[in-house]
Amino acid sequence: MKKLIIVVATVGLLGIAGMQIASANSGYWQTGNYGYCGQAYEADDTKNNTIAEKFNAETQDIRRGLTVKGSELRALLNNDNADAKR
């Protein structure tokens, strides 16, 4: 009898833990959208797009400079006769 109670309690706890893990997957498999525990998430794309476009326009020169410097660094690292002092 004691073993039966322990087995039933263990199976019950594992079942509850499994349900918690299954519900913690952001609801993607239930709704098709990311959300919390099955609640769909809908973003306001119009507001976010204008802010993102403004940010991209303001930082375009910085991002280009970083891309150029990254390319120069890769070229220096891939060079067979690399300068040890650099």
C-alpha atoms as a PDB file:
ATOM      1  CA  MET A   1       0.000   0.000   0.000  1.00  0.00           C
ATOM      2  CA  LYS A   2       2.825   2.355   0.877  1.00  0.00           C
ATOM      3  CA  LYS A   3       4.539   1.675  -2.460  1.00  0.00           C
ATOM      4  CA  LEU A   4       1.303   2.340  -4.340  1.00  0.00           C
ATOM      5  CA  ILE A   5       0.907   5.749  -2.689  1.00  0.00           C
ATOM      6  CA  ILE A   6       4.519   6.633  -3.528  1.00  0.00           C
ATOM      7  CA  VAL A   7       4.057   5.536  -7.165  1.00  0.00           C
ATOM      8  CA  VAL A   8       0.802   7.471  -7.555  1.00  0.00           C
ATOM      9  CA  ALA A   9       2.331  10.596  -5.986  1.00  0.00           C
ATOM     10  CA  THR A  10       5.424  10.339  -8.202  1.00  0.00           C
ATOM     11  CA  VAL A  11       3.364   9.891 -11.380  1.00  0.00           C
ATOM     12  CA  GLY A  12       1.139  12.822 -10.362  1.00  0.00           C
ATOM     13  CA  LEU A  13       4.093  15.108  -9.719  1.00  0.00           C
ATOM     14  CA  LEU A  14       5.722  14.133 -13.003  1.00  0.00           C
ATOM     15  CA  GLY A  15       2.442  14.808 -14.800  1.00  0.00           C
ATOM     16  CA  ILE A  16       2.104  18.250 -13.243  1.00  0.00           C
ATOM     17  CA  ALA A  17       5.746  19.052 -14.023  1.00  0.00           C
ATOM     18  CA  GLY A  18       5.220  17.903 -17.626  1.00  0.00           C
ATOM     19  CA  MET A  19       2.200  20.151 -18.031  1.00  0.00           C
ATOM     20  CA  GLN A  20       4.201  23.118 -16.721  1.00  0.00           C
ATOM     21  CA  ILE A  21       7.009  22.446 -19.163  1.00  0.00           C
ATOM     22  CA  ALA A  22       4.560  22.040 -22.046  1.00  0.00           C
ATOM     23  CA  SER A  23       2.813  25.327 -21.258  1.00  0.00           C
ATOM     24  CA  ALA A  24       6.119  27.229 -21.011  1.00  0.00           C
ATOM     25  CA  ASN A  25       6.867  27.030 -24.743  1.00  0.00           C
ATOM     26  CA  SER A  26       5.573  30.561 -25.382  1.00  0.00           C
ATOM     27  CA  GLY A  27       2.392  29.242 -26.953  1.00  0.00           C
ATOM     28  CA  TYR A  28       3.947  29.016 -30.416  1.00  0.00           C
ATOM     29  CA  TRP A  29       2.636  25.551 -31.167  1.00  0.00           C
ATOM     30  CA  GLN A  30      -0.882  26.535 -30.131  1.00  0.00           C
ATOM     31  CA  THR A  31      -1.384  29.877 -31.840  1.00  0.00           C
ATOM     32  CA  GLY A  32       1.281  30.194 -34.510  1.00  0.00           C
ATOM     33  CA  ASN A  33       2.457  33.477 -32.938  1.00  0.00           C
ATOM     34  CA  TYR A  34       4.886  33.952 -30.112  1.00  0.00           C
ATOM     35  CA  GLY A  35       3.242  34.821 -26.836  1.00  0.00           C
ATOM     36  CA  TYR A  36       3.097  33.866 -23.205  1.00  0.00           C
ATOM     37  CA  CYS A  37       1.372  30.563 -22.395  1.00  0.00           C
ATOM     38  CA  GLY A  38      -0.715  30.472 -25.545  1.00  0.00           C
ATOM     39  CA  GLN A  39      -1.592  34.148 -25.688  1.00  0.00           C
ATOM     40  CA  ALA A  40      -0.843  35.461 -29.158  1.00  0.00           C
ATOM     41  CA  TYR A  41       1.454  38.483 -29.478  1.00  0.00           C
ATOM     42  CA  GLU A  42       0.603  41.117 -32.053  1.00  0.00           C
ATOM     43  CA  ALA A  43       3.083  43.977 -32.470  1.00  0.00           C
ATOM     44  CA  ASP A  44       2.247  47.485 -33.671  1.00  0.00           C
ATOM     45  CA  ASP A  45       4.422  47.383 -36.777  1.00  0.00           C
ATOM     46  CA  THR A  46       3.590  50.870 -38.042  1.00  0.00           C
ATOM     47  CA  LYS A  47       5.003  52.643 -34.991  1.00  0.00           C
ATOM     48  CA  ASN A  48       8.036  50.370 -34.759  1.00  0.00           C
ATOM     49  CA  ASN A  49       8.844  50.653 -38.469  1.00  0.00           C
ATOM     50  CA  THR A  50       9.017  54.441 -38.436  1.00  0.00           C
ATOM     51  CA  ILE A  51      11.287  54.411 -35.390  1.00  0.00           C
ATOM     52  CA  ALA A  52      13.510  51.737 -36.944  1.00  0.00           C
ATOM     53  CA  GLU A  53      13.720  53.621 -40.250  1.00  0.00           C
ATOM     54  CA  LYS A  54      14.718  56.817 -38.428  1.00  0.00           C
ATOM     55  CA  PHE A  55      17.390  54.932 -36.443  1.00  0.00           C
ATOM     56  CA  ASN A  56      18.729  53.256 -39.603  1.00  0.00           C
ATOM     57  CA  ALA A  57      18.974  56.576 -41.415  1.00  0.00           C
ATOM     58  CA  GLU A  58      20.803  58.218 -38.499  1.00  0.00           C
ATOM     59  CA  THR A  59      23.322  55.399 -38.051  1.00  0.00           C
ATOM     60  CA  GLN A  60      23.927  54.452 -41.682  1.00  0.00           C
ATOM     61  CA  ASP A  61      27.389  56.093 -41.841  1.00  0.00           C
ATOM     62  CA  ILE A  62      28.472  54.441 -38.590  1.00  0.00           C
ATOM     63  CA  ARG A  63      27.341  51.010 -39.778  1.00  0.00           C
ATOM     64  CA  ARG A  64      29.102  51.462 -43.116  1.00  0.00           C
ATOM     65  CA  GLY A  65      32.316  52.443 -41.329  1.00  0.00           C
ATOM     66  CA  LEU A  66      32.082  49.378 -39.090  1.00  0.00           C
ATOM     67  CA  THR A  67      31.532  47.154 -42.118  1.00  0.00           C
ATOM     68  CA  VAL A  68      34.582  48.611 -43.874  1.00  0.00           C
ATOM     69  CA  LYS A  69      36.760  48.230 -40.767  1.00  0.00           C
ATOM     70  CA  GLY A  70      35.561  44.656 -40.299  1.00  0.00           C
ATOM     71  CA  SER A  71      36.401  43.840 -43.914  1.00  0.00           C
ATOM     72  CA  GLU A  72      39.861  45.379 -43.536  1.00  0.00           C
ATOM     73  CA  LEU A  73      40.466  43.357 -40.371  1.00  0.00           C
ATOM     74  CA  ARG A  74      39.390  40.122 -42.075  1.00  0.00           C
ATOM     75  CA  ALA A  75      41.683  40.908 -45.000  1.00  0.00           C
ATOM     76  CA  LEU A  76      44.609  41.487 -42.623  1.00  0.00           C
ATOM     77  CA  LEU A  77      43.895  38.283 -40.705  1.00  0.00           C
ATOM     78  CA  ASN A  78      43.577  36.213 -43.883  1.00  0.00           C
ATOM     79  CA  ASN A  79      46.811  37.608 -45.320  1.00  0.00           C
ATOM     80  CA  ASP A  80      49.620  35.022 -45.538  1.00  0.00           C
ATOM     81  CA  ASN A  81      52.288  37.643 -44.844  1.00  0.00           C
ATOM     82  CA  ALA A  82      50.620  39.254 -41.853  1.00  0.00           C
ATOM     83  CA  ASP A  83      52.515  42.052 -40.108  1.00  0.00           C
ATOM     84  CA  ALA A  84      53.173  40.933 -36.520  1.00  0.00           C
ATOM     85  CA  LYS A  85      53.390  44.525 -35.297  1.00  0.00           C
ATOM     86  CA  ARG A  86      49.839  45.313 -36.387  1.00  0.00           C
END
